[in-house]
Amino acid sequence: MHGYRFAVLLALAGCSTATSCPLVGCVSQLTVALPDGATSGRACVEDVCTSTVVDGALLVSLSRRSEGTTTTVRVTLGDSSTTYEGQVDLVRTRPNGPSCPPVCVSGKAAVDLLTGTVRTAR
């Protein structure tokens, strides 16, 4: 029974620190800016692909558990069979503070028609 009380105290201690965290949420996603004149496309990161265009960009959902500091992005514009590919930098943030969840993963990319690649956008 003594071990049970200790476990309950630990659980309660964990709850008290969790309630001190704000409840700000976030979306883990990669934004891929389309080149001028492009109105549609498809972007893929690992097994996740999207054709959703918002304000001239494709929005690809990322897992909050995404590993590493970069990811490979593949983009096809319109009905083209040409695929643009490249490594894009990822950023991790904790909107509720350094010890509070969630950990969000994001990145910004652009299709570079001159080099035929996808690159990190600033």
PDB file of N, CA and C in Angstrom:
ATOM      1  N   MET A   1       0.817  -1.192   0.000  1.00  0.00           N
ATOM      2  CA  MET A   1       0.000   0.000   0.000  1.00  0.00           C
ATOM      3  C   MET A   1       0.863   1.259   0.000  1.00  0.00           C
ATOM      4  N   HIS A   2       2.042   1.176   0.600  1.00  0.00           N
ATOM      5  CA  HIS A   2       2.929   2.330   0.668  1.00  0.00           C
ATOM      6  C   HIS A   2       3.351   2.762  -0.740  1.00  0.00           C
ATOM      7  N   GLY A   3       3.654   1.793  -1.628  1.00  0.00           N
ATOM      8  CA  GLY A   3       4.038   2.090  -3.008  1.00  0.00           C
ATOM      9  C   GLY A   3       2.918   2.776  -3.768  1.00  0.00           C
ATOM     10  N   TYR A   4       1.678   2.392  -3.464  1.00  0.00           N
ATOM     11  CA  TYR A   4       0.529   2.993  -4.125  1.00  0.00           C
ATOM     12  C   TYR A   4       0.431   4.473  -3.766  1.00  0.00           C
ATOM     13  N   ARG A   5       0.618   4.825  -2.498  1.00  0.00           N
ATOM     14  CA  ARG A   5       0.561   6.229  -2.062  1.00  0.00           C
ATOM     15  C   ARG A   5       1.654   7.038  -2.745  1.00  0.00           C
ATOM     16  N   PHE A   6       2.832   6.455  -2.857  1.00  0.00           N
ATOM     17  CA  PHE A   6       3.938   7.144  -3.498  1.00  0.00           C
ATOM     18  C   PHE A   6       3.616   7.422  -4.970  1.00  0.00           C
ATOM     19  N   ALA A   7       3.022   6.443  -5.650  1.00  0.00           N
ATOM     20  CA  ALA A   7       2.657   6.603  -7.060  1.00  0.00           C
ATOM     21  C   ALA A   7       1.605   7.699  -7.218  1.00  0.00           C
ATOM     22  N   VAL A   8       0.646   7.752  -6.309  1.00  0.00           N
ATOM     23  CA  VAL A   8      -0.391   8.785  -6.362  1.00  0.00           C
ATOM     24  C   VAL A   8       0.228  10.154  -6.148  1.00  0.00           C
ATOM     25  N   LEU A   9       1.148  10.271  -5.214  1.00  0.00           N
ATOM     26  CA  LEU A   9       1.819  11.554  -4.968  1.00  0.00           C
ATOM     27  C   LEU A   9       2.611  11.997  -6.194  1.00  0.00           C
ATOM     28  N   LEU A  10       3.294  11.066  -6.836  1.00  0.00           N
ATOM     29  CA  LEU A  10       4.034  11.401  -8.057  1.00  0.00           C
ATOM     30  C   LEU A  10       3.092  11.865  -9.160  1.00  0.00           C
ATOM     31  N   ALA A  11       1.976  11.189  -9.297  1.00  0.00           N
ATOM     32  CA  ALA A  11       1.001  11.566 -10.321  1.00  0.00           C
ATOM     33  C   ALA A  11       0.446  12.961 -10.042  1.00  0.00           C
ATOM     34  N   LEU A  12       0.150  13.244  -8.806  1.00  0.00           N
ATOM     35  CA  LEU A  12      -0.364  14.563  -8.442  1.00  0.00           C
ATOM     36  C   LEU A  12       0.687  15.640  -8.657  1.00  0.00           C
ATOM     37  N   ALA A  13       1.936  15.325  -8.368  1.00  0.00           N
ATOM     38  CA  ALA A  13       3.010  16.290  -8.592  1.00  0.00           C
ATOM     39  C   ALA A  13       3.116  16.592 -10.082  1.00  0.00           C
ATOM     40  N   GLY A  14       2.986  15.578 -10.915  1.00  0.00           N
ATOM     41  CA  GLY A  14       3.009  15.778 -12.361  1.00  0.00           C
ATOM     42  C   GLY A  14       1.849  16.626 -12.819  1.00  0.00           C
ATOM     43  N   CYS A  15       0.693  16.451 -12.222  1.00  0.00           N
ATOM     44  CA  CYS A  15      -0.477  17.245 -12.597  1.00  0.00           C
ATOM     45  C   CYS A  15      -0.285  18.707 -12.239  1.00  0.00           C
ATOM     46  N   SER A  16       0.353  18.968 -11.095  1.00  0.00           N
ATOM     47  CA  SER A  16       0.507  20.360 -10.685  1.00  0.00           C
ATOM     48  C   SER A  16       1.435  21.110 -11.631  1.00  0.00           C
ATOM     49  N   THR A  17       2.461  20.445 -12.185  1.00  0.00           N
ATOM     50  CA  THR A  17       3.329  21.145 -13.123  1.00  0.00           C
ATOM     51  C   THR A  17       2.656  21.289 -14.480  1.00  0.00           C
ATOM     52  N   ALA A  18       1.829  20.326 -14.856  1.00  0.00           N
ATOM     53  CA  ALA A  18       1.153  20.395 -16.156  1.00  0.00           C
ATOM     54  C   ALA A  18       0.166  21.553 -16.182  1.00  0.00           C
ATOM     55  N   THR A  19      -0.495  21.843 -15.058  1.00  0.00           N
ATOM     56  CA  THR A  19      -1.473  22.920 -15.045  1.00  0.00           C
ATOM     57  C   THR A  19      -0.801  24.285 -15.100  1.00  0.00           C
ATOM     58  N   SER A  20       0.515  24.358 -14.850  1.00  0.00           N
ATOM     59  CA  SER A  20       1.200  25.637 -14.944  1.00  0.00           C
ATOM     60  C   SER A  20       1.569  25.975 -16.388  1.00  0.00           C
ATOM     61  N   CYS A  21       1.340  25.044 -17.300  1.00  0.00           N
ATOM     62  CA  CYS A  21       1.611  25.285 -18.713  1.00  0.00           C
ATOM     63  C   CYS A  21       0.402  25.951 -19.360  1.00  0.00           C
ATOM     64  N   PRO A  22       0.628  26.975 -20.189  1.00  0.00           N
ATOM     65  CA  PRO A  22      -0.484  27.539 -20.948  1.00  0.00           C
ATOM     66  C   PRO A  22      -1.033  26.486 -21.907  1.00  0.00           C
ATOM     67  N   LEU A  23      -2.155  26.730 -22.481  1.00  0.00           N
ATOM     68  CA  LEU A  23      -2.787  25.758 -23.363  1.00  0.00           C
ATOM     69  C   LEU A  23      -2.762  26.210 -24.822  1.00  0.00           C
ATOM     70  N   VAL A  24      -1.646  26.792 -25.247  1.00  0.00           N
ATOM     71  CA  VAL A  24      -1.506  27.235 -26.623  1.00  0.00           C
ATOM     72  C   VAL A  24      -1.237  26.019 -27.503  1.00  0.00           C
ATOM     73  N   GLY A  25      -1.971  25.888 -28.578  1.00  0.00           N
ATOM     74  CA  GLY A  25      -1.765  24.785 -29.511  1.00  0.00           C
ATOM     75  C   GLY A  25      -0.995  25.260 -30.728  1.00  0.00           C
ATOM     76  N   CYS A  26      -0.699  24.344 -31.614  1.00  0.00           N
ATOM     77  CA  CYS A  26      -0.006  24.697 -32.843  1.00  0.00           C
ATOM     78  C   CYS A  26      -0.248  23.625 -33.889  1.00  0.00           C
ATOM     79  N   VAL A  27       0.097  23.942 -35.119  1.00  0.00           N
ATOM     80  CA  VAL A  27      -0.044  23.005 -36.222  1.00  0.00           C
ATOM     81  C   VAL A  27       1.350  22.709 -36.749  1.00  0.00           C
ATOM     82  N   SER A  28       1.675  21.427 -36.868  1.00  0.00           N
ATOM     83  CA  SER A  28       2.950  21.027 -37.456  1.00  0.00           C
ATOM     84  C   SER A  28       2.740  20.870 -38.951  1.00  0.00           C
ATOM     85  N   GLN A  29       3.382  21.770 -39.731  1.00  0.00           N
ATOM     86  CA  GLN A  29       3.199  21.708 -41.172  1.00  0.00           C
ATOM     87  C   GLN A  29       4.352  22.371 -41.909  1.00  0.00           C
ATOM     88  N   LEU A  30       4.479  21.986 -43.165  1.00  0.00           N
ATOM     89  CA  LEU A  30       5.443  22.572 -44.078  1.00  0.00           C
ATOM     90  C   LEU A  30       4.670  23.383 -45.106  1.00  0.00           C
ATOM     91  N   THR A  31       5.077  24.624 -45.322  1.00  0.00           N
ATOM     92  CA  THR A  31       4.452  25.503 -46.297  1.00  0.00           C
ATOM     93  C   THR A  31       5.366  25.579 -47.513  1.00  0.00           C
ATOM     94  N   VAL A  32       4.854  25.187 -48.680  1.00  0.00           N
ATOM     95  CA  VAL A  32       5.638  25.195 -49.916  1.00  0.00           C
ATOM     96  C   VAL A  32       5.068  26.260 -50.847  1.00  0.00           C
ATOM     97  N   ALA A  33       5.805  27.364 -51.005  1.00  0.00           N
ATOM     98  CA  ALA A  33       5.354  28.451 -51.881  1.00  0.00           C
ATOM     99  C   ALA A  33       5.452  28.017 -53.337  1.00  0.00           C
ATOM    100  N   LEU A  34       4.367  28.230 -54.068  1.00  0.00           N
ATOM    101  CA  LEU A  34       4.353  27.911 -55.495  1.00  0.00           C
ATOM    102  C   LEU A  34       5.011  29.048 -56.277  1.00  0.00           C
ATOM    103  N   PRO A  35       5.668  28.734 -57.391  1.00  0.00           N
ATOM    104  CA  PRO A  35       6.265  29.799 -58.210  1.00  0.00           C
ATOM    105  C   PRO A  35       5.173  30.646 -58.872  1.00  0.00           C
ATOM    106  N   ASP A  36       5.548  31.851 -59.296  1.00  0.00           N
ATOM    107  CA  ASP A  36       4.592  32.741 -59.971  1.00  0.00           C
ATOM    108  C   ASP A  36       3.930  32.026 -61.130  1.00  0.00           C
ATOM    109  N   GLY A  37       2.636  32.181 -61.237  1.00  0.00           N
ATOM    110  CA  GLY A  37       1.874  31.586 -62.332  1.00  0.00           C
ATOM    111  C   GLY A  37       1.323  30.205 -62.029  1.00  0.00           C
ATOM    112  N   ALA A  38       1.866  29.520 -61.039  1.00  0.00           N
ATOM    113  CA  ALA A  38       1.369  28.184 -60.679  1.00  0.00           C
ATOM    114  C   ALA A  38       0.169  28.336 -59.750  1.00  0.00           C
ATOM    115  N   THR A  39      -0.900  27.603 -60.050  1.00  0.00           N
ATOM    116  CA  THR A  39      -2.105  27.682 -59.219  1.00  0.00           C
ATOM    117  C   THR A  39      -2.458  26.348 -58.572  1.00  0.00           C
ATOM    118  N   SER A  40      -1.753  25.286 -58.986  1.00  0.00           N
ATOM    119  CA  SER A  40      -2.030  23.977 -58.390  1.00  0.00           C
ATOM    120  C   SER A  40      -0.751  23.152 -58.373  1.00  0.00           C
ATOM    121  N   GLY A  41      -0.780  22.111 -57.574  1.00  0.00           N
ATOM    122  CA  GLY A  41       0.375  21.229 -57.477  1.00  0.00           C
ATOM    123  C   GLY A  41       0.136  20.162 -56.437  1.00  0.00           C
ATOM    124  N   ARG A  42       1.181  19.386 -56.193  1.00  0.00           N
ATOM    125  CA  ARG A  42       1.126  18.326 -55.188  1.00  0.00           C
ATOM    126  C   ARG A  42       2.479  18.296 -54.497  1.00  0.00           C
ATOM    127  N   ALA A  43       2.465  18.314 -53.177  1.00  0.00           N
ATOM    128  CA  ALA A  43       3.699  18.257 -52.395  1.00  0.00           C
ATOM    129  C   ALA A  43       3.649  17.057 -51.474  1.00  0.00           C
ATOM    130  N   CYS A  44       4.791  16.362 -51.353  1.00  0.00           N
ATOM    131  CA  CYS A  44       4.883  15.178 -50.494  1.00  0.00           C
ATOM    132  C   CYS A  44       6.089  15.276 -49.574  1.00  0.00           C
ATOM    133  N   VAL A  45       5.862  14.912 -48.321  1.00  0.00           N
ATOM    134  CA  VAL A  45       6.910  14.749 -47.324  1.00  0.00           C
ATOM    135  C   VAL A  45       6.709  13.354 -46.758  1.00  0.00           C
ATOM    136  N   GLU A  46       7.694  12.496 -46.974  1.00  0.00           N
ATOM    137  CA  GLU A  46       7.590  11.081 -46.602  1.00  0.00           C
ATOM    138  C   GLU A  46       6.324  10.507 -47.254  1.00  0.00           C
ATOM    139  N   ASP A  47       5.412   9.958 -46.483  1.00  0.00           N
ATOM    140  CA  ASP A  47       4.198   9.345 -47.037  1.00  0.00           C
ATOM    141  C   ASP A  47       2.999  10.286 -47.043  1.00  0.00           C
ATOM    142  N   VAL A  48       3.198  11.539 -46.654  1.00  0.00           N
ATOM    143  CA  VAL A  48       2.087  12.487 -46.566  1.00  0.00           C
ATOM    144  C   VAL A  48       2.143  13.442 -47.753  1.00  0.00           C
ATOM    145  N   CYS A  49       1.060  13.464 -48.531  1.00  0.00           N
ATOM    146  CA  CYS A  49       0.983  14.332 -49.709  1.00  0.00           C
ATOM    147  C   CYS A  49      -0.255  15.224 -49.613  1.00  0.00           C
ATOM    148  N   THR A  50      -0.197  16.376 -50.266  1.00  0.00           N
ATOM    149  CA  THR A  50      -1.341  17.274 -50.305  1.00  0.00           C
ATOM    150  C   THR A  50      -1.389  18.006 -51.629  1.00  0.00           C
ATOM    151  N   SER A  51      -2.596  18.375 -52.015  1.00  0.00           N
ATOM    152  CA  SER A  51      -2.818  19.229 -53.181  1.00  0.00           C
ATOM    153  C   SER A  51      -3.552  20.496 -52.764  1.00  0.00           C
ATOM    154  N   THR A  52      -3.670  20.706 -51.459  1.00  0.00           N
ATOM    155  CA  THR A  52      -4.381  21.862 -50.923  1.00  0.00           C
ATOM    156  C   THR A  52      -3.522  23.111 -51.065  1.00  0.00           C
ATOM    157  N   VAL A  53      -4.035  24.098 -51.826  1.00  0.00           N
ATOM    158  CA  VAL A  53      -3.333  25.358 -52.025  1.00  0.00           C
ATOM    159  C   VAL A  53      -4.066  26.449 -51.252  1.00  0.00           C
ATOM    160  N   VAL A  54      -3.335  27.164 -50.402  1.00  0.00           N
ATOM    161  CA  VAL A  54      -3.882  28.284 -49.640  1.00  0.00           C
ATOM    162  C   VAL A  54      -2.937  29.466 -49.825  1.00  0.00           C
ATOM    163  N   ASP A  55      -3.465  30.563 -50.342  1.00  0.00           N
ATOM    164  CA  ASP A  55      -2.666  31.777 -50.570  1.00  0.00           C
ATOM    165  C   ASP A  55      -1.381  31.492 -51.349  1.00  0.00           C
ATOM    166  N   GLY A  56      -1.467  30.692 -52.391  1.00  0.00           N
ATOM    167  CA  GLY A  56      -0.321  30.432 -53.254  1.00  0.00           C
ATOM    168  C   GLY A  56       0.704  29.460 -52.709  1.00  0.00           C
ATOM    169  N   ALA A  57       0.310  28.674 -51.712  1.00  0.00           N
ATOM    170  CA  ALA A  57       1.246  27.711 -51.127  1.00  0.00           C
ATOM    171  C   ALA A  57       0.553  26.381 -50.850  1.00  0.00           C
ATOM    172  N   LEU A  58       1.316  25.305 -50.969  1.00  0.00           N
ATOM    173  CA  LEU A  58       0.840  23.973 -50.589  1.00  0.00           C
ATOM    174  C   LEU A  58       1.150  23.778 -49.106  1.00  0.00           C
ATOM    175  N   LEU A  59       0.198  23.235 -48.354  1.00  0.00           N
ATOM    176  CA  LEU A  59       0.362  23.030 -46.916  1.00  0.00           C
ATOM    177  C   LEU A  59       0.411  21.539 -46.620  1.00  0.00           C
ATOM    178  N   VAL A  60       1.586  21.047 -46.211  1.00  0.00           N
ATOM    179  CA  VAL A  60       1.774  19.618 -45.947  1.00  0.00           C
ATOM    180  C   VAL A  60       1.842  19.391 -44.443  1.00  0.00           C
ATOM    181  N   SER A  61       0.985  18.519 -43.930  1.00  0.00           N
ATOM    182  CA  SER A  61       0.999  18.183 -42.505  1.00  0.00           C
ATOM    183  C   SER A  61       2.288  17.433 -42.165  1.00  0.00           C
ATOM    184  N   LEU A  62       2.879  17.790 -41.036  1.00  0.00           N
ATOM    185  CA  LEU A  62       4.062  17.101 -40.528  1.00  0.00           C
ATOM    186  C   LEU A  62       3.723  16.453 -39.205  1.00  0.00           C
ATOM    187  N   SER A  63       4.360  15.367 -38.921  1.00  0.00           N
ATOM    188  CA  SER A  63       4.195  14.719 -37.624  1.00  0.00           C
ATOM    189  C   SER A  63       4.969  15.507 -36.578  1.00  0.00           C
ATOM    190  N   ARG A  64       4.399  15.646 -35.412  1.00  0.00           N
ATOM    191  CA  ARG A  64       5.127  16.307 -34.318  1.00  0.00           C
ATOM    192  C   ARG A  64       6.312  15.470 -33.889  1.00  0.00           C
ATOM    193  N   ARG A  65       6.328  14.225 -34.304  1.00  0.00           N
ATOM    194  CA  ARG A  65       7.441  13.347 -33.959  1.00  0.00           C
ATOM    195  C   ARG A  65       8.483  13.282 -35.067  1.00  0.00           C
ATOM    196  N   SER A  66       8.371  14.140 -36.092  1.00  0.00           N
ATOM    197  CA  SER A  66       9.337  14.137 -37.194  1.00  0.00           C
ATOM    198  C   SER A  66      10.748  14.245 -36.637  1.00  0.00           C
ATOM    199  N   GLU A  67      11.624  13.413 -37.150  1.00  0.00           N
ATOM    200  CA  GLU A  67      13.010  13.379 -36.686  1.00  0.00           C
ATOM    201  C   GLU A  67      13.878  14.303 -37.540  1.00  0.00           C
ATOM    202  N   GLY A  68      15.023  14.677 -36.991  1.00  0.00           N
ATOM    203  CA  GLY A  68      16.018  15.423 -37.753  1.00  0.00           C
ATOM    204  C   GLY A  68      15.717  16.898 -37.892  1.00  0.00           C
ATOM    205  N   THR A  69      16.652  17.594 -38.530  1.00  0.00           N
ATOM    206  CA  THR A  69      16.526  19.035 -38.716  1.00  0.00           C
ATOM    207  C   THR A  69      16.162  19.399 -40.149  1.00  0.00           C
ATOM    208  N   THR A  70      16.097  18.374 -41.036  1.00  0.00           N
ATOM    209  CA  THR A  70      15.682  18.604 -42.416  1.00  0.00           C
ATOM    210  C   THR A  70      14.745  17.480 -42.857  1.00  0.00           C
ATOM    211  N   THR A  71      14.057  17.730 -43.959  1.00  0.00           N
ATOM    212  CA  THR A  71      13.225  16.695 -44.553  1.00  0.00           C
ATOM    213  C   THR A  71      13.262  16.837 -46.066  1.00  0.00           C
ATOM    214  N   THR A  72      13.025  15.746 -46.758  1.00  0.00           N
ATOM    215  CA  THR A  72      12.974  15.772 -48.213  1.00  0.00           C
ATOM    216  C   THR A  72      11.556  16.084 -48.661  1.00  0.00           C
ATOM    217  N   VAL A  73      11.444  17.031 -49.591  1.00  0.00           N
ATOM    218  CA  VAL A  73      10.145  17.455 -50.120  1.00  0.00           C
ATOM    219  C   VAL A  73      10.141  17.210 -51.627  1.00  0.00           C
ATOM    220  N   ARG A  74       9.047  16.637 -52.128  1.00  0.00           N
ATOM    221  CA  ARG A  74       8.852  16.429 -53.558  1.00  0.00           C
ATOM    222  C   ARG A  74       7.613  17.209 -53.997  1.00  0.00           C
ATOM    223  N   VAL A  75       7.744  17.973 -55.083  1.00  0.00           N
ATOM    224  CA  VAL A  75       6.636  18.804 -55.564  1.00  0.00           C
ATOM    225  C   VAL A  75       6.449  18.585 -57.062  1.00  0.00           C
ATOM    226  N   THR A  76       5.198  18.443 -57.466  1.00  0.00           N
ATOM    227  CA  THR A  76       4.816  18.409 -58.874  1.00  0.00           C
ATOM    228  C   THR A  76       3.850  19.565 -59.086  1.00  0.00           C
ATOM    229  N   LEU A  77       4.082  20.362 -60.125  1.00  0.00           N
ATOM    230  CA  LEU A  77       3.237  21.525 -60.386  1.00  0.00           C
ATOM    231  C   LEU A  77       2.181  21.199 -61.428  1.00  0.00           C
ATOM    232  N   GLY A  78       0.946  21.600 -61.159  1.00  0.00           N
ATOM    233  CA  GLY A  78      -0.148  21.416 -62.098  1.00  0.00           C
ATOM    234  C   GLY A  78      -0.253  19.986 -62.598  1.00  0.00           C
ATOM    235  N   ASP A  79      -0.417  19.823 -63.912  1.00  0.00           N
ATOM    236  CA  ASP A  79      -0.525  18.499 -64.531  1.00  0.00           C
ATOM    237  C   ASP A  79       0.826  17.995 -65.037  1.00  0.00           C
ATOM    238  N   SER A  80       1.888  18.659 -64.668  1.00  0.00           N
ATOM    239  CA  SER A  80       3.222  18.309 -65.144  1.00  0.00           C
ATOM    240  C   SER A  80       3.685  16.961 -64.591  1.00  0.00           C
ATOM    241  N   SER A  81       4.574  16.328 -65.306  1.00  0.00           N
ATOM    242  CA  SER A  81       5.181  15.091 -64.800  1.00  0.00           C
ATOM    243  C   SER A  81       6.554  15.373 -64.203  1.00  0.00           C
ATOM    244  N   THR A  82       6.981  16.645 -64.235  1.00  0.00           N
ATOM    245  CA  THR A  82       8.269  17.032 -63.671  1.00  0.00           C
ATOM    246  C   THR A  82       8.148  17.137 -62.151  1.00  0.00           C
ATOM    247  N   THR A  83       9.071  16.468 -61.464  1.00  0.00           N
ATOM    248  CA  THR A  83       9.090  16.525 -60.003  1.00  0.00           C
ATOM    249  C   THR A  83      10.295  17.327 -59.547  1.00  0.00           C
ATOM    250  N   TYR A  84      10.049  18.262 -58.639  1.00  0.00           N
ATOM    251  CA  TYR A  84      11.099  19.062 -58.024  1.00  0.00           C
ATOM    252  C   TYR A  84      11.325  18.493 -56.632  1.00  0.00           C
ATOM    253  N   GLU A  85      12.577  18.342 -56.246  1.00  0.00           N
ATOM    254  CA  GLU A  85      12.879  17.727 -54.949  1.00  0.00           C
ATOM    255  C   GLU A  85      14.017  18.480 -54.266  1.00  0.00           C
ATOM    256  N   GLY A  86      14.002  18.471 -52.943  1.00  0.00           N
ATOM    257  CA  GLY A  86      15.088  19.097 -52.202  1.00  0.00           C
ATOM    258  C   GLY A  86      14.949  18.891 -50.706  1.00  0.00           C
ATOM    259  N   GLN A  87      16.027  19.191 -49.995  1.00  0.00           N
ATOM    260  CA  GLN A  87      16.053  19.141 -48.534  1.00  0.00           C
ATOM    261  C   GLN A  87      15.637  20.505 -47.997  1.00  0.00           C
ATOM    262  N   VAL A  88      14.744  20.487 -47.008  1.00  0.00           N
ATOM    263  CA  VAL A  88      14.230  21.717 -46.418  1.00  0.00           C
ATOM    264  C   VAL A  88      14.467  21.679 -44.911  1.00  0.00           C
ATOM    265  N   ASP A  89      14.888  22.813 -44.362  1.00  0.00           N
ATOM    266  CA  ASP A  89      15.126  22.920 -42.921  1.00  0.00           C
ATOM    267  C   ASP A  89      13.812  22.866 -42.152  1.00  0.00           C
ATOM    268  N   LEU A  90      13.844  22.190 -40.994  1.00  0.00           N
ATOM    269  CA  LEU A  90      12.702  22.134 -40.089  1.00  0.00           C
ATOM    270  C   LEU A  90      13.037  22.878 -38.804  1.00  0.00           C
ATOM    271  N   VAL A  91      12.018  23.472 -38.202  1.00  0.00           N
ATOM    272  CA  VAL A  91      12.165  24.211 -36.943  1.00  0.00           C
ATOM    273  C   VAL A  91      11.226  23.596 -35.927  1.00  0.00           C
ATOM    274  N   ARG A  92      11.723  23.394 -34.712  1.00  0.00           N
ATOM    275  CA  ARG A  92      10.886  22.897 -33.616  1.00  0.00           C
ATOM    276  C   ARG A  92      10.632  24.042 -32.633  1.00  0.00           C
ATOM    277  N   THR A  93       9.369  24.161 -32.223  1.00  0.00           N
ATOM    278  CA  THR A  93       9.011  25.191 -31.242  1.00  0.00           C
ATOM    279  C   THR A  93       8.158  24.571 -30.147  1.00  0.00           C
ATOM    280  N   ARG A  94       8.171  25.220 -29.004  1.00  0.00           N
ATOM    281  CA  ARG A  94       7.321  24.847 -27.869  1.00  0.00           C
ATOM    282  C   ARG A  94       6.578  26.112 -27.448  1.00  0.00           C
ATOM    283  N   PRO A  95       5.378  26.341 -27.998  1.00  0.00           N
ATOM    284  CA  PRO A  95       4.676  27.593 -27.741  1.00  0.00           C
ATOM    285  C   PRO A  95       4.282  27.807 -26.282  1.00  0.00           C
ATOM    286  N   ASN A  96       4.275  26.733 -25.479  1.00  0.00           N
ATOM    287  CA  ASN A  96       3.887  26.847 -24.076  1.00  0.00           C
ATOM    288  C   ASN A  96       5.075  26.884 -23.122  1.00  0.00           C
ATOM    289  N   GLY A  97       6.286  26.923 -23.659  1.00  0.00           N
ATOM    290  CA  GLY A  97       7.475  26.966 -22.815  1.00  0.00           C
ATOM    291  C   GLY A  97       8.334  25.731 -23.013  1.00  0.00           C
ATOM    292  N   PRO A  98       9.575  25.789 -22.544  1.00  0.00           N
ATOM    293  CA  PRO A  98      10.554  24.732 -22.817  1.00  0.00           C
ATOM    294  C   PRO A  98      10.220  23.368 -22.226  1.00  0.00           C
ATOM    295  N   SER A  99       9.456  23.296 -21.175  1.00  0.00           N
ATOM    296  CA  SER A  99       9.149  21.995 -20.572  1.00  0.00           C
ATOM    297  C   SER A  99       7.680  21.597 -20.739  1.00  0.00           C
ATOM    298  N   CYS A 100       6.954  22.335 -21.574  1.00  0.00           N
ATOM    299  CA  CYS A 100       5.528  22.059 -21.759  1.00  0.00           C
ATOM    300  C   CYS A 100       5.240  21.556 -23.170  1.00  0.00           C
ATOM    301  N   PRO A 101       4.283  20.633 -23.292  1.00  0.00           N
ATOM    302  CA  PRO A 101       3.872  20.212 -24.628  1.00  0.00           C
ATOM    303  C   PRO A 101       2.998  21.296 -25.262  1.00  0.00           C
ATOM    304  N   PRO A 102       2.787  21.255 -26.542  1.00  0.00           N
ATOM    305  CA  PRO A 102       3.316  20.313 -27.512  1.00  0.00           C
ATOM    306  C   PRO A 102       4.638  20.795 -28.099  1.00  0.00           C
ATOM    307  N   VAL A 103       5.325  19.898 -28.809  1.00  0.00           N
ATOM    308  CA  VAL A 103       6.479  20.261 -29.630  1.00  0.00           C
ATOM    309  C   VAL A 103       5.952  20.330 -31.059  1.00  0.00           C
ATOM    310  N   CYS A 104       6.115  21.465 -31.706  1.00  0.00           N
ATOM    311  CA  CYS A 104       5.598  21.652 -33.052  1.00  0.00           C
ATOM    312  C   CYS A 104       6.745  21.706 -34.047  1.00  0.00           C
ATOM    313  N   VAL A 105       6.520  21.127 -35.214  1.00  0.00           N
ATOM    314  CA  VAL A 105       7.533  21.073 -36.264  1.00  0.00           C
ATOM    315  C   VAL A 105       7.003  21.855 -37.457  1.00  0.00           C
ATOM    316  N   SER A 106       7.825  22.767 -37.990  1.00  0.00           N
ATOM    317  CA  SER A 106       7.381  23.550 -39.143  1.00  0.00           C
ATOM    318  C   SER A 106       8.554  23.830 -40.070  1.00  0.00           C
ATOM    319  N   GLY A 107       8.207  24.293 -41.247  1.00  0.00           N
ATOM    320  CA  GLY A 107       9.222  24.664 -42.220  1.00  0.00           C
ATOM    321  C   GLY A 107       8.590  25.450 -43.345  1.00  0.00           C
ATOM    322  N   LYS A 108       9.438  26.197 -44.068  1.00  0.00           N
ATOM    323  CA  LYS A 108       8.987  26.970 -45.224  1.00  0.00           C
ATOM    324  C   LYS A 108       9.878  26.592 -46.397  1.00  0.00           C
ATOM    325  N   ALA A 109       9.243  26.324 -47.527  1.00  0.00           N
ATOM    326  CA  ALA A 109       9.980  25.923 -48.722  1.00  0.00           C
ATOM    327  C   ALA A 109       9.451  26.675 -49.929  1.00  0.00           C
ATOM    328  N   ALA A 110      10.245  26.639 -51.004  1.00  0.00           N
ATOM    329  CA  ALA A 110       9.843  27.244 -52.264  1.00  0.00           C
ATOM    330  C   ALA A 110      10.356  26.383 -53.403  1.00  0.00           C
ATOM    331  N   VAL A 111       9.591  26.348 -54.481  1.00  0.00           N
ATOM    332  CA  VAL A 111      10.020  25.650 -55.687  1.00  0.00           C
ATOM    333  C   VAL A 111      10.887  26.617 -56.484  1.00  0.00           C
ATOM    334  N   ASP A 112      12.116  26.204 -56.796  1.00  0.00           N
ATOM    335  CA  ASP A 112      13.048  27.023 -57.562  1.00  0.00           C
ATOM    336  C   ASP A 112      13.104  26.468 -58.983  1.00  0.00           C
ATOM    337  N   LEU A 113      12.427  27.142 -59.913  1.00  0.00           N
ATOM    338  CA  LEU A 113      12.358  26.665 -61.294  1.00  0.00           C
ATOM    339  C   LEU A 113      13.715  26.742 -61.994  1.00  0.00           C
ATOM    340  N   LEU A 114      14.572  27.691 -61.595  1.00  0.00           N
ATOM    341  CA  LEU A 114      15.887  27.836 -62.234  1.00  0.00           C
ATOM    342  C   LEU A 114      16.791  26.639 -61.961  1.00  0.00           C
ATOM    343  N   THR A 115      16.763  26.149 -60.731  1.00  0.00           N
ATOM    344  CA  THR A 115      17.633  25.010 -60.375  1.00  0.00           C
ATOM    345  C   THR A 115      16.900  23.687 -60.451  1.00  0.00           C
ATOM    346  N   GLY A 116      15.571  23.726 -60.572  1.00  0.00           N
ATOM    347  CA  GLY A 116      14.782  22.503 -60.626  1.00  0.00           C
ATOM    348  C   GLY A 116      14.717  21.782 -59.292  1.00  0.00           C
ATOM    349  N   THR A 117      14.754  22.551 -58.203  1.00  0.00           N
ATOM    350  CA  THR A 117      14.756  21.959 -56.869  1.00  0.00           C
ATOM    351  C   THR A 117      13.721  22.650 -55.972  1.00  0.00           C
ATOM    352  N   VAL A 118      13.557  22.054 -54.795  1.00  0.00           N
ATOM    353  CA  VAL A 118      12.799  22.676 -53.712  1.00  0.00           C
ATOM    354  C   VAL A 118      13.844  23.096 -52.689  1.00  0.00           C
ATOM    355  N   ARG A 119      13.729  24.302 -52.168  1.00  0.00           N
ATOM    356  CA  ARG A 119      14.721  24.815 -51.220  1.00  0.00           C
ATOM    357  C   ARG A 119      14.034  25.440 -50.013  1.00  0.00           C
ATOM    358  N   THR A 120      14.809  25.605 -48.960  1.00  0.00           N
ATOM    359  CA  THR A 120      14.298  26.296 -47.769  1.00  0.00           C
ATOM    360  C   THR A 120      14.049  27.755 -48.113  1.00  0.00           C
ATOM    361  N   ALA A 121      12.892  28.259 -47.712  1.00  0.00           N
ATOM    362  CA  ALA A 121      12.552  29.678 -47.919  1.00  0.00           C
ATOM    363  C   ALA A 121      12.713  30.405 -46.597  1.00  0.00           C
ATOM    364  N   ARG A 122      13.072  31.620 -46.685  1.00  0.00           N
ATOM    365  CA  ARG A 122      13.246  32.438 -45.470  1.00  0.00           C
ATOM    366  C   ARG A 122      12.085  33.361 -45.283  1.00  0.00           C
TER     367      ARG A 122
END
